[in-house]
Amino acid sequence: MTAFAGKVVWMTGAGTGIGKAGALMFTQEAAAVALIGRRRDKLDEVAAEIQAIGGKAAVEALDVADRKQVGVAGKRLLKLPGRVDILVNNAGLNVVNRRLDEITAEDWDYILAVNLTGAFSKVQAAMPAMRNQKDGLIINIASTAANRVSGGIPDAPEPGRGEMGWPLRATCGRLGASRGALQRVPLGTRQARAFN
């Protein structure tokens, strides 16, 4: 029996990359996984992989930048097993023209909405269940851009996502839940290759 056996994990950005790898890892550890992301086709592919190895997966196609969608999906997911044990805020994006003298106002707003506000909205969707359970884990995955400045907007929300851990620690501690922050390094993903 593993530490994750029987746990319910919400994984954002679950269709590709780190999110997909995390979802498969939790499945191999006997957890049920809610796959959350924008591209239903990618989420369905991951769900099929999970089911092929005997795991359980639910698919929620949504844009984490849309608070209403996140709230509705959170309520729907909570009805399935009635709980959420682990929330992994992994969804994030970048744009090609990201220098402050190049980026459009629309791209600026969308990056902040996905990379920072999206994580906040998922915490708000999961926290009531974790409060009732007096247990839970929130993992915010942030880029190493949180520790450096490259002149681009994607650097701005990353410290915010990482620093969200401080108020979460205070809140979660009172609830019997915990939080963590992981930093990812630039990988050879389709998105990362577009910026090199």
C-alpha atoms as a PDB file:
ATOM      1  CA  MET A   1       0.000   0.000   0.000  1.00  0.00           C
ATOM      2  CA  THR A   2       1.361   3.453  -0.915  1.00  0.00           C
ATOM      3  CA  ALA A   3       0.901   6.795   0.796  1.00  0.00           C
ATOM      4  CA  PHE A   4      -1.381   7.859  -2.078  1.00  0.00           C
ATOM      5  CA  ALA A   5      -3.562   4.747  -2.233  1.00  0.00           C
ATOM      6  CA  GLY A   6      -7.228   5.742  -2.272  1.00  0.00           C
ATOM      7  CA  LYS A   7      -6.441   9.473  -2.430  1.00  0.00           C
ATOM      8  CA  VAL A   8      -8.195  11.805  -4.865  1.00  0.00           C
ATOM      9  CA  VAL A   9      -5.882  14.142  -6.790  1.00  0.00           C
ATOM     10  CA  TRP A  10      -6.882  17.182  -8.846  1.00  0.00           C
ATOM     11  CA  MET A  11      -4.151  17.808 -11.440  1.00  0.00           C
ATOM     12  CA  THR A  12      -4.297  20.976 -13.536  1.00  0.00           C
ATOM     13  CA  GLY A  13      -2.460  21.132 -16.835  1.00  0.00           C
ATOM     14  CA  ALA A  14      -2.904  17.356 -16.963  1.00  0.00           C
ATOM     15  CA  GLY A  15      -2.992  16.869 -20.734  1.00  0.00           C
ATOM     16  CA  THR A  16       0.746  17.083 -21.407  1.00  0.00           C
ATOM     17  CA  GLY A  17       4.172  17.504 -19.839  1.00  0.00           C
ATOM     18  CA  ILE A  18       4.558  17.679 -16.073  1.00  0.00           C
ATOM     19  CA  GLY A  19       0.805  17.433 -15.476  1.00  0.00           C
ATOM     20  CA  LYS A  20       0.484  14.235 -17.507  1.00  0.00           C
ATOM     21  CA  ALA A  21       3.567  12.722 -15.862  1.00  0.00           C
ATOM     22  CA  GLY A  22       2.228  13.636 -12.422  1.00  0.00           C
ATOM     23  CA  ALA A  23      -1.190  12.166 -13.158  1.00  0.00           C
ATOM     24  CA  LEU A  24       0.381   8.887 -14.299  1.00  0.00           C
ATOM     25  CA  MET A  25       2.650   8.816 -11.240  1.00  0.00           C
ATOM     26  CA  PHE A  26      -0.268   9.288  -8.852  1.00  0.00           C
ATOM     27  CA  THR A  27      -2.173   6.558 -10.713  1.00  0.00           C
ATOM     28  CA  GLN A  28       0.737   4.150 -10.304  1.00  0.00           C
ATOM     29  CA  GLU A  29       0.569   4.953  -6.589  1.00  0.00           C
ATOM     30  CA  ALA A  30      -3.132   3.898  -6.547  1.00  0.00           C
ATOM     31  CA  ALA A  31      -4.687   7.380  -6.409  1.00  0.00           C
ATOM     32  CA  ALA A  32      -7.737   8.461  -8.436  1.00  0.00           C
ATOM     33  CA  VAL A  33      -6.981  11.490 -10.607  1.00  0.00           C
ATOM     34  CA  ALA A  34      -9.144  14.334 -11.919  1.00  0.00           C
ATOM     35  CA  LEU A  35      -7.492  15.504 -15.126  1.00  0.00           C
ATOM     36  CA  ILE A  36      -8.031  19.242 -15.578  1.00  0.00           C
ATOM     37  CA  GLY A  37      -6.951  21.244 -18.622  1.00  0.00           C
ATOM     38  CA  ARG A  38      -8.002  23.143 -21.719  1.00  0.00           C
ATOM     39  CA  ARG A  39      -7.662  20.438 -24.368  1.00  0.00           C
ATOM     40  CA  ARG A  40     -10.212  17.657 -23.966  1.00  0.00           C
ATOM     41  CA  ASP A  41      -8.526  15.489 -26.607  1.00  0.00           C
ATOM     42  CA  LYS A  42      -5.252  15.458 -24.645  1.00  0.00           C
ATOM     43  CA  LEU A  43      -7.072  14.840 -21.356  1.00  0.00           C
ATOM     44  CA  ASP A  44      -9.004  11.944 -22.916  1.00  0.00           C
ATOM     45  CA  GLU A  45      -5.715  10.416 -24.119  1.00  0.00           C
ATOM     46  CA  VAL A  46      -4.254  10.602 -20.598  1.00  0.00           C
ATOM     47  CA  ALA A  47      -7.474   9.180 -19.119  1.00  0.00           C
ATOM     48  CA  ALA A  48      -7.250   6.243 -21.552  1.00  0.00           C
ATOM     49  CA  GLU A  49      -3.632   5.601 -20.479  1.00  0.00           C
ATOM     50  CA  ILE A  50      -4.669   5.684 -16.825  1.00  0.00           C
ATOM     51  CA  GLN A  51      -7.591   3.316 -17.390  1.00  0.00           C
ATOM     52  CA  ALA A  52      -5.358   0.971 -19.404  1.00  0.00           C
ATOM     53  CA  ILE A  53      -3.173   0.456 -16.319  1.00  0.00           C
ATOM     54  CA  GLY A  54      -6.211  -0.072 -14.089  1.00  0.00           C
ATOM     55  CA  GLY A  55      -6.480   3.453 -12.710  1.00  0.00           C
ATOM     56  CA  LYS A  56      -9.403   5.804 -12.220  1.00  0.00           C
ATOM     57  CA  ALA A  57      -9.597   9.162 -13.986  1.00  0.00           C
ATOM     58  CA  ALA A  58     -12.193  11.875 -14.465  1.00  0.00           C
ATOM     59  CA  VAL A  59     -11.818  14.531 -17.171  1.00  0.00           C
ATOM     60  CA  GLU A  60     -12.669  18.219 -16.723  1.00  0.00           C
ATOM     61  CA  ALA A  61     -11.931  20.333 -19.781  1.00  0.00           C
ATOM     62  CA  LEU A  62     -11.841  23.973 -18.735  1.00  0.00           C
ATOM     63  CA  ASP A  63      -9.763  27.121 -18.784  1.00  0.00           C
ATOM     64  CA  VAL A  64      -8.430  27.798 -15.270  1.00  0.00           C
ATOM     65  CA  ALA A  65      -8.489  31.510 -16.122  1.00  0.00           C
ATOM     66  CA  ASP A  66     -12.297  31.352 -15.998  1.00  0.00           C
ATOM     67  CA  ARG A  67     -13.258  31.472 -12.306  1.00  0.00           C
ATOM     68  CA  LYS A  68     -16.839  30.450 -12.988  1.00  0.00           C
ATOM     69  CA  GLN A  69     -15.765  27.338 -14.914  1.00  0.00           C
ATOM     70  CA  VAL A  70     -13.351  26.423 -12.097  1.00  0.00           C
ATOM     71  CA  GLY A  71     -16.070  26.805  -9.454  1.00  0.00           C
ATOM     72  CA  VAL A  72     -18.619  24.732 -11.376  1.00  0.00           C
ATOM     73  CA  ALA A  73     -16.053  22.025 -12.163  1.00  0.00           C
ATOM     74  CA  GLY A  74     -14.918  21.919  -8.538  1.00  0.00           C
ATOM     75  CA  LYS A  75     -18.471  21.280  -7.349  1.00  0.00           C
ATOM     76  CA  ARG A  76     -18.967  18.618 -10.027  1.00  0.00           C
ATOM     77  CA  LEU A  77     -15.694  16.860  -9.123  1.00  0.00           C
ATOM     78  CA  LEU A  78     -16.529  16.887  -5.429  1.00  0.00           C
ATOM     79  CA  LYS A  79     -19.766  15.023  -6.160  1.00  0.00           C
ATOM     80  CA  LEU A  80     -17.872  12.077  -7.705  1.00  0.00           C
ATOM     81  CA  PRO A  81     -15.823  10.760  -4.765  1.00  0.00           C
ATOM     82  CA  GLY A  82     -16.989  13.403  -2.299  1.00  0.00           C
ATOM     83  CA  ARG A  83     -13.459  14.589  -1.513  1.00  0.00           C
ATOM     84  CA  VAL A  84     -10.184  16.026  -2.782  1.00  0.00           C
ATOM     85  CA  ASP A  85      -6.998  15.044  -0.990  1.00  0.00           C
ATOM     86  CA  ILE A  86      -4.357  16.651  -3.195  1.00  0.00           C
ATOM     87  CA  LEU A  87      -4.543  19.687  -5.479  1.00  0.00           C
ATOM     88  CA  VAL A  88      -1.640  20.158  -7.884  1.00  0.00           C
ATOM     89  CA  ASN A  89      -1.647  23.636  -9.438  1.00  0.00           C
ATOM     90  CA  ASN A  90       0.451  22.933 -12.499  1.00  0.00           C
ATOM     91  CA  ALA A  91      -1.392  24.734 -15.327  1.00  0.00           C
ATOM     92  CA  GLY A  92       0.621  27.575 -16.804  1.00  0.00           C
ATOM     93  CA  LEU A  93       1.444  29.231 -20.091  1.00  0.00           C
ATOM     94  CA  ASN A  94       3.781  31.588 -21.834  1.00  0.00           C
ATOM     95  CA  VAL A  95       3.740  33.726 -24.961  1.00  0.00           C
ATOM     96  CA  VAL A  96       6.369  34.271 -27.652  1.00  0.00           C
ATOM     97  CA  ASN A  97       6.351  38.084 -27.514  1.00  0.00           C
ATOM     98  CA  ARG A  98       6.839  38.319 -23.768  1.00  0.00           C
ATOM     99  CA  ARG A  99       9.248  41.186 -23.257  1.00  0.00           C
ATOM    100  CA  LEU A 100       7.603  44.171 -21.610  1.00  0.00           C
ATOM    101  CA  ASP A 101       8.129  46.274 -24.726  1.00  0.00           C
ATOM    102  CA  GLU A 102       6.485  43.606 -26.918  1.00  0.00           C
ATOM    103  CA  ILE A 103       3.694  41.967 -24.959  1.00  0.00           C
ATOM    104  CA  THR A 104       0.102  42.966 -25.607  1.00  0.00           C
ATOM    105  CA  ALA A 105      -2.219  43.949 -22.776  1.00  0.00           C
ATOM    106  CA  GLU A 106      -4.431  40.967 -23.654  1.00  0.00           C
ATOM    107  CA  ASP A 107      -1.515  38.515 -23.332  1.00  0.00           C
ATOM    108  CA  TRP A 108      -0.450  40.158 -20.043  1.00  0.00           C
ATOM    109  CA  ASP A 109      -3.943  39.748 -18.594  1.00  0.00           C
ATOM    110  CA  TYR A 110      -4.296  36.155 -19.797  1.00  0.00           C
ATOM    111  CA  ILE A 111      -0.904  35.039 -18.436  1.00  0.00           C
ATOM    112  CA  LEU A 112      -1.759  36.469 -15.020  1.00  0.00           C
ATOM    113  CA  ALA A 113      -5.246  34.924 -15.176  1.00  0.00           C
ATOM    114  CA  VAL A 114      -3.892  31.437 -15.912  1.00  0.00           C
ATOM    115  CA  ASN A 115      -0.587  31.370 -14.052  1.00  0.00           C
ATOM    116  CA  LEU A 116      -1.629  33.139 -10.860  1.00  0.00           C
ATOM    117  CA  THR A 117      -5.381  33.677 -10.578  1.00  0.00           C
ATOM    118  CA  GLY A 118      -6.064  30.187 -11.950  1.00  0.00           C
ATOM    119  CA  ALA A 119      -4.070  28.666  -9.084  1.00  0.00           C
ATOM    120  CA  PHE A 120      -5.937  30.860  -6.583  1.00  0.00           C
ATOM    121  CA  SER A 121      -9.315  29.799  -8.035  1.00  0.00           C
ATOM    122  CA  LYS A 122      -8.461  26.086  -7.786  1.00  0.00           C
ATOM    123  CA  VAL A 123      -7.393  26.564  -4.146  1.00  0.00           C
ATOM    124  CA  GLN A 124     -10.747  28.203  -3.459  1.00  0.00           C
ATOM    125  CA  ALA A 125     -12.556  25.294  -5.138  1.00  0.00           C
ATOM    126  CA  ALA A 126     -10.658  22.645  -3.154  1.00  0.00           C
ATOM    127  CA  MET A 127     -10.315  24.334   0.241  1.00  0.00           C
ATOM    128  CA  PRO A 128     -13.899  23.813   1.521  1.00  0.00           C
ATOM    129  CA  ALA A 129     -13.602  20.036   1.065  1.00  0.00           C
ATOM    130  CA  MET A 130     -10.168  19.997   2.678  1.00  0.00           C
ATOM    131  CA  ARG A 131     -11.535  22.059   5.555  1.00  0.00           C
ATOM    132  CA  ASN A 132     -14.349  19.547   6.099  1.00  0.00           C
ATOM    133  CA  GLN A 133     -11.907  16.634   5.858  1.00  0.00           C
ATOM    134  CA  LYS A 134      -9.389  18.408   8.123  1.00  0.00           C
ATOM    135  CA  ASP A 135      -6.834  17.062   5.700  1.00  0.00           C
ATOM    136  CA  GLY A 136      -5.366  17.828   2.294  1.00  0.00           C
ATOM    137  CA  LEU A 137      -2.266  18.838   0.381  1.00  0.00           C
ATOM    138  CA  ILE A 138      -1.900  21.744  -2.050  1.00  0.00           C
ATOM    139  CA  ILE A 139       1.115  21.743  -4.364  1.00  0.00           C
ATOM    140  CA  ASN A 140       1.843  24.877  -6.394  1.00  0.00           C
ATOM    141  CA  ILE A 141       4.285  24.232  -9.205  1.00  0.00           C
ATOM    142  CA  ALA A 142       6.101  27.365 -10.331  1.00  0.00           C
ATOM    143  CA  SER A 143       8.805  27.969 -12.890  1.00  0.00           C
ATOM    144  CA  THR A 144      12.372  28.837 -11.983  1.00  0.00           C
ATOM    145  CA  ALA A 145      11.430  32.196 -13.509  1.00  0.00           C
ATOM    146  CA  ALA A 146      10.383  32.985  -9.941  1.00  0.00           C
ATOM    147  CA  ASN A 147      14.085  33.258  -9.090  1.00  0.00           C
ATOM    148  CA  ARG A 148      15.392  35.217 -12.052  1.00  0.00           C
ATOM    149  CA  VAL A 149      14.480  38.117 -14.283  1.00  0.00           C
ATOM    150  CA  SER A 150      14.545  37.694 -18.031  1.00  0.00           C
ATOM    151  CA  GLY A 151      12.626  40.822 -18.951  1.00  0.00           C
ATOM    152  CA  GLY A 152       9.488  38.934 -19.776  1.00  0.00           C
ATOM    153  CA  ILE A 153       6.039  38.962 -18.219  1.00  0.00           C
ATOM    154  CA  PRO A 154       5.941  35.231 -17.414  1.00  0.00           C
ATOM    155  CA  ASP A 155       8.451  36.006 -14.651  1.00  0.00           C
ATOM    156  CA  ALA A 156       5.878  38.175 -12.854  1.00  0.00           C
ATOM    157  CA  PRO A 157       3.266  35.603 -11.745  1.00  0.00           C
ATOM    158  CA  GLU A 158       5.780  32.892 -10.836  1.00  0.00           C
ATOM    159  CA  PRO A 159       6.913  34.425  -7.517  1.00  0.00           C
ATOM    160  CA  GLY A 160       3.236  35.008  -6.726  1.00  0.00           C
ATOM    161  CA  ARG A 161       2.384  31.348  -7.206  1.00  0.00           C
ATOM    162  CA  GLY A 162       5.381  30.304  -5.126  1.00  0.00           C
ATOM    163  CA  GLU A 163       4.687  32.896  -2.435  1.00  0.00           C
ATOM    164  CA  MET A 164       1.043  31.819  -2.266  1.00  0.00           C
ATOM    165  CA  GLY A 165       2.463  29.088  -0.048  1.00  0.00           C
ATOM    166  CA  TRP A 166       2.928  31.458   2.905  1.00  0.00           C
ATOM    167  CA  PRO A 167      -0.734  32.374   3.413  1.00  0.00           C
ATOM    168  CA  LEU A 168      -1.699  28.816   2.472  1.00  0.00           C
ATOM    169  CA  ARG A 169       0.565  27.491   5.216  1.00  0.00           C
ATOM    170  CA  ALA A 170      -1.195  29.659   7.794  1.00  0.00           C
ATOM    171  CA  THR A 171      -4.665  28.732   6.529  1.00  0.00           C
ATOM    172  CA  CYS A 172      -3.966  25.055   5.916  1.00  0.00           C
ATOM    173  CA  GLY A 173      -2.257  24.583   9.257  1.00  0.00           C
ATOM    174  CA  ARG A 174      -5.420  25.611  11.056  1.00  0.00           C
ATOM    175  CA  LEU A 175      -7.406  23.176   8.897  1.00  0.00           C
ATOM    176  CA  GLY A 176      -5.129  20.180   9.340  1.00  0.00           C
ATOM    177  CA  ALA A 177      -4.056  20.404   5.693  1.00  0.00           C
ATOM    178  CA  SER A 178      -0.664  21.289   4.284  1.00  0.00           C
ATOM    179  CA  ARG A 179       0.823  22.937   1.239  1.00  0.00           C
ATOM    180  CA  GLY A 180       3.999  22.774  -0.756  1.00  0.00           C
ATOM    181  CA  ALA A 181       5.683  24.591  -3.608  1.00  0.00           C
ATOM    182  CA  LEU A 182       7.790  22.970  -6.286  1.00  0.00           C
ATOM    183  CA  GLN A 183       9.726  24.731  -9.000  1.00  0.00           C
ATOM    184  CA  ARG A 184      10.026  23.320 -12.469  1.00  0.00           C
ATOM    185  CA  VAL A 185      12.955  24.021 -14.722  1.00  0.00           C
ATOM    186  CA  PRO A 186      12.559  24.747 -18.421  1.00  0.00           C
ATOM    187  CA  LEU A 187      12.044  21.428 -20.171  1.00  0.00           C
ATOM    188  CA  GLY A 188      12.081  20.227 -23.735  1.00  0.00           C
ATOM    189  CA  THR A 189       8.324  20.622 -24.059  1.00  0.00           C
ATOM    190  CA  ARG A 190       6.624  22.039 -27.129  1.00  0.00           C
ATOM    191  CA  GLN A 191       6.023  25.260 -25.237  1.00  0.00           C
ATOM    192  CA  ALA A 192       9.609  25.587 -23.990  1.00  0.00           C
ATOM    193  CA  ARG A 193      11.058  24.917 -27.462  1.00  0.00           C
ATOM    194  CA  ALA A 194       9.054  27.836 -28.856  1.00  0.00           C
ATOM    195  CA  PHE A 195      11.018  30.247 -26.669  1.00  0.00           C
ATOM    196  CA  ASN A 196      14.564  28.968 -27.202  1.00  0.00           C
END
